[in-house]
Amino acid sequence: MTDLGGRGKALAQLGVALWNDPSSFRYLGRWIRTRKSGHSPVRDRLPWMNFKVIRWLDSYLRPSMDVFEYGAGGSTPFVARRVHRLISVEHDPRWFTVVSDVLAVEGIRNCALRLVPAVKSERATTVPYGPRSYTSFAPHTKGYTFEAYVRTIEDYADGAFDLVIVDGYARPSAVAHAIPKIRPGGYLLLDDSDGEYVRPAIPVLDGFPRRDFLALAPFERGLQQASVWRIDAKGSSTPRPQRR
């Protein structure tokens, strides 16, 4: 009965998702495959984002582009195959090893995968969460700072990247540091852009043209949202976070 109840709940969630976004019917077959046993973002070499933004990535990326990514995973081989250079920063040593092994198996050599763990910090327990905090919203990261992780992008020149993907930890801080590193006319992609833990990042992007993608997501039961902002010289004048 428990298994039947779980399946019924899953079908109900799927029905609600398709009712709210009928256009997701086009992705139903692919979504069903990713829900089967043995499938995962890394095994399928697929970003853990909704199908519409995956389609946008596939259409936008070019072999001449340089991309920076906060948070390694299935997106890492997916993006690296389509661009000139990918810089991916990961905080988790175990996950870093998993993705490194995938890159080696696939023979991908244009991706610099960097491991930058979070660090314990007394200040991190008291600083208000937001673009200047370098902290994560996740409860298990309380007392840790992701400042070094976020600041990894500072090793590269302003305007160095055609796209920055923010799909890791300390997202508001990552967004604030990413903006100057994107060339005029390039994009910032923020996954789960409707999430509570992402909300403080949105004002930092005020003034830049925004496009939302809402659709079924592989490996998930319902709809997920991701958004992209076109970064140009006429956008936000929000100051970048300063070291305290």
C-alpha atoms as a PDB file:
ATOM      1  CA  MET A   1       0.000   0.000   0.000  1.00  0.00           C
ATOM      2  CA  THR A   2       2.855   2.376   0.779  1.00  0.00           C
ATOM      3  CA  ASP A   3       4.359   1.894  -2.683  1.00  0.00           C
ATOM      4  CA  LEU A   4       0.982   2.448  -4.346  1.00  0.00           C
ATOM      5  CA  GLY A   5       0.430   5.521  -2.230  1.00  0.00           C
ATOM      6  CA  GLY A   6       3.808   6.898  -3.239  1.00  0.00           C
ATOM      7  CA  ARG A   7       3.124   6.281  -6.909  1.00  0.00           C
ATOM      8  CA  GLY A   8      -0.268   7.931  -6.603  1.00  0.00           C
ATOM      9  CA  LYS A   9       1.294  10.987  -5.007  1.00  0.00           C
ATOM     10  CA  ALA A  10       3.951  11.133  -7.712  1.00  0.00           C
ATOM     11  CA  LEU A  11       1.316  10.923 -10.467  1.00  0.00           C
ATOM     12  CA  ALA A  12      -0.717  13.635  -8.779  1.00  0.00           C
ATOM     13  CA  GLN A  13       2.342  15.885  -8.618  1.00  0.00           C
ATOM     14  CA  LEU A  14       3.061  15.210 -12.280  1.00  0.00           C
ATOM     15  CA  GLY A  15      -0.533  16.025 -13.193  1.00  0.00           C
ATOM     16  CA  VAL A  16      -0.360  19.326 -11.323  1.00  0.00           C
ATOM     17  CA  ALA A  17       2.954  20.148 -12.993  1.00  0.00           C
ATOM     18  CA  LEU A  18       1.600  19.508 -16.494  1.00  0.00           C
ATOM     19  CA  TRP A  19      -1.586  21.432 -15.706  1.00  0.00           C
ATOM     20  CA  ASN A  20       0.492  24.431 -14.617  1.00  0.00           C
ATOM     21  CA  ASP A  21       2.803  24.151 -17.620  1.00  0.00           C
ATOM     22  CA  PRO A  22       1.235  22.264 -20.556  1.00  0.00           C
ATOM     23  CA  SER A  23       4.307  22.999 -22.685  1.00  0.00           C
ATOM     24  CA  SER A  24       6.222  20.508 -20.523  1.00  0.00           C
ATOM     25  CA  PHE A  25       4.382  17.667 -22.284  1.00  0.00           C
ATOM     26  CA  ARG A  26       7.097  17.829 -24.967  1.00  0.00           C
ATOM     27  CA  TYR A  27       9.659  16.750 -22.352  1.00  0.00           C
ATOM     28  CA  LEU A  28       7.562  13.969 -20.822  1.00  0.00           C
ATOM     29  CA  GLY A  29       9.378  11.086 -22.508  1.00  0.00           C
ATOM     30  CA  ARG A  30      12.809  12.361 -21.526  1.00  0.00           C
ATOM     31  CA  TRP A  31      11.591  13.064 -18.005  1.00  0.00           C
ATOM     32  CA  ILE A  32      10.245   9.513 -17.600  1.00  0.00           C
ATOM     33  CA  ARG A  33      13.628   8.076 -18.628  1.00  0.00           C
ATOM     34  CA  THR A  34      15.485  10.133 -16.019  1.00  0.00           C
ATOM     35  CA  ARG A  35      13.121   8.909 -13.296  1.00  0.00           C
ATOM     36  CA  LYS A  36      14.070   5.271 -13.883  1.00  0.00           C
ATOM     37  CA  SER A  37      16.514   3.440 -11.634  1.00  0.00           C
ATOM     38  CA  GLY A  38      20.175   3.991 -12.448  1.00  0.00           C
ATOM     39  CA  HIS A  39      19.775   7.487 -13.832  1.00  0.00           C
ATOM     40  CA  SER A  40      21.332  10.607 -12.307  1.00  0.00           C
ATOM     41  CA  PRO A  41      22.662  13.964 -13.549  1.00  0.00           C
ATOM     42  CA  VAL A  42      26.254  12.731 -13.534  1.00  0.00           C
ATOM     43  CA  ARG A  43      25.514   9.335 -15.118  1.00  0.00           C
ATOM     44  CA  ASP A  44      23.340  10.972 -17.772  1.00  0.00           C
ATOM     45  CA  ARG A  45      25.796  13.887 -18.270  1.00  0.00           C
ATOM     46  CA  LEU A  46      22.830  16.239 -17.922  1.00  0.00           C
ATOM     47  CA  PRO A  47      22.419  19.483 -15.948  1.00  0.00           C
ATOM     48  CA  TRP A  48      20.167  19.147 -12.891  1.00  0.00           C
ATOM     49  CA  MET A  49      17.998  21.967 -14.217  1.00  0.00           C
ATOM     50  CA  ASN A  50      14.663  22.079 -15.961  1.00  0.00           C
ATOM     51  CA  PHE A  51      14.380  20.996 -19.593  1.00  0.00           C
ATOM     52  CA  LYS A  52      13.637  24.465 -20.965  1.00  0.00           C
ATOM     53  CA  VAL A  53      16.818  26.018 -19.568  1.00  0.00           C
ATOM     54  CA  ILE A  54      18.804  22.963 -20.717  1.00  0.00           C
ATOM     55  CA  ARG A  55      17.442  23.653 -24.197  1.00  0.00           C
ATOM     56  CA  TRP A  56      18.466  27.305 -23.854  1.00  0.00           C
ATOM     57  CA  LEU A  57      21.986  26.256 -22.854  1.00  0.00           C
ATOM     58  CA  ASP A  58      22.243  23.942 -25.848  1.00  0.00           C
ATOM     59  CA  SER A  59      21.220  26.752 -28.204  1.00  0.00           C
ATOM     60  CA  TYR A  60      23.368  29.473 -26.607  1.00  0.00           C
ATOM     61  CA  LEU A  61      26.708  27.749 -26.035  1.00  0.00           C
ATOM     62  CA  ARG A  62      29.355  27.936 -28.773  1.00  0.00           C
ATOM     63  CA  PRO A  63      32.841  26.398 -29.213  1.00  0.00           C
ATOM     64  CA  SER A  64      34.418  29.864 -28.894  1.00  0.00           C
ATOM     65  CA  MET A  65      32.931  30.607 -25.441  1.00  0.00           C
ATOM     66  CA  ASP A  66      34.429  30.685 -21.954  1.00  0.00           C
ATOM     67  CA  VAL A  67      32.138  29.722 -19.060  1.00  0.00           C
ATOM     68  CA  PHE A  68      32.408  29.770 -15.255  1.00  0.00           C
ATOM     69  CA  GLU A  69      30.323  27.455 -13.090  1.00  0.00           C
ATOM     70  CA  TYR A  70      29.587  27.514  -9.356  1.00  0.00           C
ATOM     71  CA  GLY A  71      28.684  23.926  -8.420  1.00  0.00           C
ATOM     72  CA  ALA A  72      29.977  20.951 -10.421  1.00  0.00           C
ATOM     73  CA  GLY A  73      27.794  18.038 -11.544  1.00  0.00           C
ATOM     74  CA  GLY A  74      26.097  16.717 -14.647  1.00  0.00           C
ATOM     75  CA  SER A  75      26.243  20.228 -16.067  1.00  0.00           C
ATOM     76  CA  THR A  76      30.052  20.125 -16.069  1.00  0.00           C
ATOM     77  CA  PRO A  77      30.608  17.602 -18.907  1.00  0.00           C
ATOM     78  CA  PHE A  78      27.479  18.910 -20.673  1.00  0.00           C
ATOM     79  CA  VAL A  79      28.841  22.476 -20.822  1.00  0.00           C
ATOM     80  CA  ALA A  80      32.496  21.559 -21.344  1.00  0.00           C
ATOM     81  CA  ARG A  81      31.684  19.618 -24.526  1.00  0.00           C
ATOM     82  CA  ARG A  82      30.079  22.717 -26.036  1.00  0.00           C
ATOM     83  CA  VAL A  83      32.560  25.502 -25.199  1.00  0.00           C
ATOM     84  CA  HIS A  84      36.211  26.527 -25.510  1.00  0.00           C
ATOM     85  CA  ARG A  85      36.899  26.599 -21.757  1.00  0.00           C
ATOM     86  CA  LEU A  86      34.986  25.847 -18.568  1.00  0.00           C
ATOM     87  CA  ILE A  87      36.061  26.795 -15.058  1.00  0.00           C
ATOM     88  CA  SER A  88      34.051  24.898 -12.443  1.00  0.00           C
ATOM     89  CA  VAL A  89      34.406  25.417  -8.691  1.00  0.00           C
ATOM     90  CA  GLU A  90      33.205  22.780  -6.212  1.00  0.00           C
ATOM     91  CA  HIS A  91      33.276  22.820  -2.391  1.00  0.00           C
ATOM     92  CA  ASP A  92      32.658  19.119  -1.644  1.00  0.00           C
ATOM     93  CA  PRO A  93      35.761  16.857  -1.890  1.00  0.00           C
ATOM     94  CA  ARG A  94      33.729  13.703  -2.530  1.00  0.00           C
ATOM     95  CA  TRP A  95      31.693  15.317  -5.291  1.00  0.00           C
ATOM     96  CA  PHE A  96      34.846  16.880  -6.725  1.00  0.00           C
ATOM     97  CA  THR A  97      36.300  13.367  -7.090  1.00  0.00           C
ATOM     98  CA  VAL A  98      33.123  12.022  -8.726  1.00  0.00           C
ATOM     99  CA  VAL A  99      33.046  14.790 -11.346  1.00  0.00           C
ATOM    100  CA  SER A 100      36.830  14.599 -11.893  1.00  0.00           C
ATOM    101  CA  ASP A 101      36.470  10.911 -12.696  1.00  0.00           C
ATOM    102  CA  VAL A 102      33.685  11.652 -15.193  1.00  0.00           C
ATOM    103  CA  LEU A 103      35.830  14.252 -16.960  1.00  0.00           C
ATOM    104  CA  ALA A 104      38.703  11.771 -17.150  1.00  0.00           C
ATOM    105  CA  VAL A 105      36.505   8.971 -18.528  1.00  0.00           C
ATOM    106  CA  GLU A 106      35.042  11.319 -21.142  1.00  0.00           C
ATOM    107  CA  GLY A 107      38.466  12.643 -22.121  1.00  0.00           C
ATOM    108  CA  ILE A 108      37.413  16.227 -21.390  1.00  0.00           C
ATOM    109  CA  ARG A 109      40.506  18.443 -21.079  1.00  0.00           C
ATOM    110  CA  ASN A 110      39.092  21.941 -21.466  1.00  0.00           C
ATOM    111  CA  CYS A 111      37.590  22.028 -17.967  1.00  0.00           C
ATOM    112  CA  ALA A 112      39.525  23.323 -14.970  1.00  0.00           C
ATOM    113  CA  LEU A 113      37.691  21.798 -12.002  1.00  0.00           C
ATOM    114  CA  ARG A 114      38.734  23.522  -8.766  1.00  0.00           C
ATOM    115  CA  LEU A 115      38.131  22.277  -5.234  1.00  0.00           C
ATOM    116  CA  VAL A 116      37.583  25.125  -2.743  1.00  0.00           C
ATOM    117  CA  PRO A 117      36.009  23.862   0.511  1.00  0.00           C
ATOM    118  CA  ALA A 118      34.056  26.011   2.945  1.00  0.00           C
ATOM    119  CA  VAL A 119      35.928  27.117   6.077  1.00  0.00           C
ATOM    120  CA  LYS A 120      34.727  27.324   9.674  1.00  0.00           C
ATOM    121  CA  SER A 121      34.158  30.892  10.798  1.00  0.00           C
ATOM    122  CA  GLU A 122      32.684  32.402  13.968  1.00  0.00           C
ATOM    123  CA  ARG A 123      31.541  35.440  12.037  1.00  0.00           C
ATOM    124  CA  ALA A 124      29.559  33.239   9.647  1.00  0.00           C
ATOM    125  CA  THR A 125      27.133  32.354  12.457  1.00  0.00           C
ATOM    126  CA  THR A 126      26.100  35.973  13.012  1.00  0.00           C
ATOM    127  CA  VAL A 127      26.380  37.788   9.684  1.00  0.00           C
ATOM    128  CA  PRO A 128      23.003  38.392   7.950  1.00  0.00           C
ATOM    129  CA  TYR A 129      22.508  36.092   4.974  1.00  0.00           C
ATOM    130  CA  GLY A 130      22.865  37.885   1.656  1.00  0.00           C
ATOM    131  CA  PRO A 131      25.271  39.046  -1.068  1.00  0.00           C
ATOM    132  CA  ARG A 132      27.845  40.233   1.471  1.00  0.00           C
ATOM    133  CA  SER A 133      27.700  37.241   3.814  1.00  0.00           C
ATOM    134  CA  TYR A 134      29.494  34.484   1.860  1.00  0.00           C
ATOM    135  CA  THR A 135      27.304  32.037   3.751  1.00  0.00           C
ATOM    136  CA  SER A 136      24.892  29.327   2.661  1.00  0.00           C
ATOM    137  CA  PHE A 137      21.203  29.027   3.500  1.00  0.00           C
ATOM    138  CA  ALA A 138      21.553  25.262   4.070  1.00  0.00           C
ATOM    139  CA  PRO A 139      21.354  24.365   7.797  1.00  0.00           C
ATOM    140  CA  HIS A 140      24.272  21.911   7.630  1.00  0.00           C
ATOM    141  CA  THR A 141      26.613  24.737   6.531  1.00  0.00           C
ATOM    142  CA  LYS A 142      25.965  26.920   9.576  1.00  0.00           C
ATOM    143  CA  GLY A 143      29.221  28.310  10.920  1.00  0.00           C
ATOM    144  CA  TYR A 144      31.033  27.978   7.597  1.00  0.00           C
ATOM    145  CA  THR A 145      32.112  30.664   5.166  1.00  0.00           C
ATOM    146  CA  PHE A 146      32.258  30.167   1.398  1.00  0.00           C
ATOM    147  CA  GLU A 147      34.250  33.330   0.788  1.00  0.00           C
ATOM    148  CA  ALA A 148      37.239  31.629  -0.849  1.00  0.00           C
ATOM    149  CA  TYR A 149      34.844  29.518  -2.953  1.00  0.00           C
ATOM    150  CA  VAL A 150      32.936  32.593  -4.120  1.00  0.00           C
ATOM    151  CA  ARG A 151      36.085  34.635  -4.740  1.00  0.00           C
ATOM    152  CA  THR A 152      37.593  31.987  -7.030  1.00  0.00           C
ATOM    153  CA  ILE A 153      36.155  33.952  -9.939  1.00  0.00           C
ATOM    154  CA  GLU A 154      38.324  36.922  -8.946  1.00  0.00           C
ATOM    155  CA  ASP A 155      41.303  35.053 -10.425  1.00  0.00           C
ATOM    156  CA  TYR A 156      39.930  35.936 -13.862  1.00  0.00           C
ATOM    157  CA  ALA A 157      39.684  39.270 -15.629  1.00  0.00           C
ATOM    158  CA  ASP A 158      36.530  41.341 -15.740  1.00  0.00           C
ATOM    159  CA  GLY A 159      34.499  40.436 -18.814  1.00  0.00           C
ATOM    160  CA  ALA A 160      36.278  37.065 -19.126  1.00  0.00           C
ATOM    161  CA  PHE A 161      33.172  34.879 -19.440  1.00  0.00           C
ATOM    162  CA  ASP A 162      30.298  34.533 -21.887  1.00  0.00           C
ATOM    163  CA  LEU A 163      28.237  32.796 -19.199  1.00  0.00           C
ATOM    164  CA  VAL A 164      28.386  32.287 -15.441  1.00  0.00           C
ATOM    165  CA  ILE A 165      26.237  29.500 -13.996  1.00  0.00           C
ATOM    166  CA  VAL A 166      25.297  29.885 -10.322  1.00  0.00           C
ATOM    167  CA  ASP A 167      24.094  26.507  -9.069  1.00  0.00           C
ATOM    168  CA  GLY A 168      26.155  25.976  -5.929  1.00  0.00           C
ATOM    169  CA  TYR A 169      26.392  27.406  -2.423  1.00  0.00           C
ATOM    170  CA  ALA A 170      26.322  31.033  -1.183  1.00  0.00           C
ATOM    171  CA  ARG A 171      24.384  32.002  -4.297  1.00  0.00           C
ATOM    172  CA  PRO A 172      23.691  35.674  -3.454  1.00  0.00           C
ATOM    173  CA  SER A 173      27.418  36.285  -2.899  1.00  0.00           C
ATOM    174  CA  ALA A 174      28.308  34.297  -6.023  1.00  0.00           C
ATOM    175  CA  VAL A 175      25.914  36.372  -8.139  1.00  0.00           C
ATOM    176  CA  ALA A 176      27.377  39.646  -6.866  1.00  0.00           C
ATOM    177  CA  HIS A 177      30.927  38.585  -7.717  1.00  0.00           C
ATOM    178  CA  ALA A 178      29.952  37.080 -11.065  1.00  0.00           C
ATOM    179  CA  ILE A 179      28.423  40.161 -12.676  1.00  0.00           C
ATOM    180  CA  PRO A 180      31.676  42.065 -13.446  1.00  0.00           C
ATOM    181  CA  LYS A 181      33.248  38.892 -14.832  1.00  0.00           C
ATOM    182  CA  ILE A 182      30.647  38.534 -17.599  1.00  0.00           C
ATOM    183  CA  ARG A 183      31.345  40.209 -20.917  1.00  0.00           C
ATOM    184  CA  PRO A 184      28.790  42.805 -22.106  1.00  0.00           C
ATOM    185  CA  GLY A 185      26.006  40.866 -23.759  1.00  0.00           C
ATOM    186  CA  GLY A 186      26.830  37.661 -21.903  1.00  0.00           C
ATOM    187  CA  TYR A 187      24.556  35.915 -19.428  1.00  0.00           C
ATOM    188  CA  LEU A 188      24.231  34.882 -15.805  1.00  0.00           C
ATOM    189  CA  LEU A 189      22.208  31.712 -15.206  1.00  0.00           C
ATOM    190  CA  LEU A 190      20.701  31.248 -11.738  1.00  0.00           C
ATOM    191  CA  ASP A 191      19.103  27.889 -11.014  1.00  0.00           C
ATOM    192  CA  ASP A 192      16.161  27.602  -8.580  1.00  0.00           C
ATOM    193  CA  SER A 193      15.629  31.331  -9.059  1.00  0.00           C
ATOM    194  CA  ASP A 194      12.278  31.237  -7.243  1.00  0.00           C
ATOM    195  CA  GLY A 195      13.748  29.651  -4.090  1.00  0.00           C
ATOM    196  CA  GLU A 196      13.778  31.403  -0.740  1.00  0.00           C
ATOM    197  CA  TYR A 197      17.522  30.939  -0.384  1.00  0.00           C
ATOM    198  CA  VAL A 198      18.078  32.670  -3.748  1.00  0.00           C
ATOM    199  CA  ARG A 199      15.814  35.663  -3.082  1.00  0.00           C
ATOM    200  CA  PRO A 200      18.558  37.985  -1.707  1.00  0.00           C
ATOM    201  CA  ALA A 201      20.430  37.627  -5.013  1.00  0.00           C
ATOM    202  CA  ILE A 202      17.618  39.039  -7.146  1.00  0.00           C
ATOM    203  CA  PRO A 203      18.008  42.757  -6.253  1.00  0.00           C
ATOM    204  CA  VAL A 204      21.687  42.558  -7.248  1.00  0.00           C
ATOM    205  CA  LEU A 205      20.476  41.822 -10.778  1.00  0.00           C
ATOM    206  CA  ASP A 206      17.972  44.691 -10.983  1.00  0.00           C
ATOM    207  CA  GLY A 207      18.229  46.502 -14.288  1.00  0.00           C
ATOM    208  CA  PHE A 208      19.422  43.565 -16.339  1.00  0.00           C
ATOM    209  CA  PRO A 209      16.978  41.926 -18.798  1.00  0.00           C
ATOM    210  CA  ARG A 210      15.620  38.712 -17.274  1.00  0.00           C
ATOM    211  CA  ARG A 211      14.105  35.584 -18.779  1.00  0.00           C
ATOM    212  CA  ASP A 212      12.507  32.851 -16.655  1.00  0.00           C
ATOM    213  CA  PHE A 213      12.270  29.163 -17.565  1.00  0.00           C
ATOM    214  CA  LEU A 214       9.689  27.000 -15.770  1.00  0.00           C
ATOM    215  CA  ALA A 215       9.321  23.347 -16.751  1.00  0.00           C
ATOM    216  CA  LEU A 216       9.654  19.726 -15.740  1.00  0.00           C
ATOM    217  CA  ALA A 217      13.124  18.958 -14.454  1.00  0.00           C
ATOM    218  CA  PRO A 218      14.967  15.671 -15.006  1.00  0.00           C
ATOM    219  CA  PHE A 219      15.255  13.460 -11.923  1.00  0.00           C
ATOM    220  CA  GLU A 220      12.592  15.544 -10.099  1.00  0.00           C
ATOM    221  CA  ARG A 221       8.831  15.128  -9.608  1.00  0.00           C
ATOM    222  CA  GLY A 222       7.579  18.580 -10.477  1.00  0.00           C
ATOM    223  CA  LEU A 223       8.334  21.904 -12.095  1.00  0.00           C
ATOM    224  CA  GLN A 224      11.493  23.858 -11.409  1.00  0.00           C
ATOM    225  CA  GLN A 225      12.461  27.406 -12.306  1.00  0.00           C
ATOM    226  CA  ALA A 226      15.732  28.802 -13.591  1.00  0.00           C
ATOM    227  CA  SER A 227      16.413  32.296 -14.901  1.00  0.00           C
ATOM    228  CA  VAL A 228      18.972  34.026 -17.086  1.00  0.00           C
ATOM    229  CA  TRP A 229      19.954  37.687 -17.061  1.00  0.00           C
ATOM    230  CA  ARG A 230      21.638  39.414 -19.986  1.00  0.00           C
ATOM    231  CA  ILE A 231      24.513  41.419 -18.570  1.00  0.00           C
ATOM    232  CA  ASP A 232      25.160  44.710 -20.325  1.00  0.00           C
ATOM    233  CA  ALA A 233      26.664  48.096 -19.542  1.00  0.00           C
ATOM    234  CA  LYS A 234      23.250  49.641 -18.847  1.00  0.00           C
ATOM    235  CA  GLY A 235      22.360  47.244 -16.051  1.00  0.00           C
ATOM    236  CA  SER A 236      22.591  47.365 -12.294  1.00  0.00           C
ATOM    237  CA  SER A 237      24.929  49.677 -10.419  1.00  0.00           C
ATOM    238  CA  THR A 238      24.689  47.595  -7.242  1.00  0.00           C
ATOM    239  CA  PRO A 239      28.095  47.686  -5.500  1.00  0.00           C
ATOM    240  CA  ARG A 240      30.083  44.470  -5.290  1.00  0.00           C
ATOM    241  CA  PRO A 241      30.608  42.884  -1.880  1.00  0.00           C
ATOM    242  CA  GLN A 242      33.612  44.213  -0.014  1.00  0.00           C
ATOM    243  CA  ARG A 243      35.914  42.201   2.224  1.00  0.00           C
ATOM    244  CA  ARG A 244      35.274  42.891   5.910  1.00  0.00           C
END
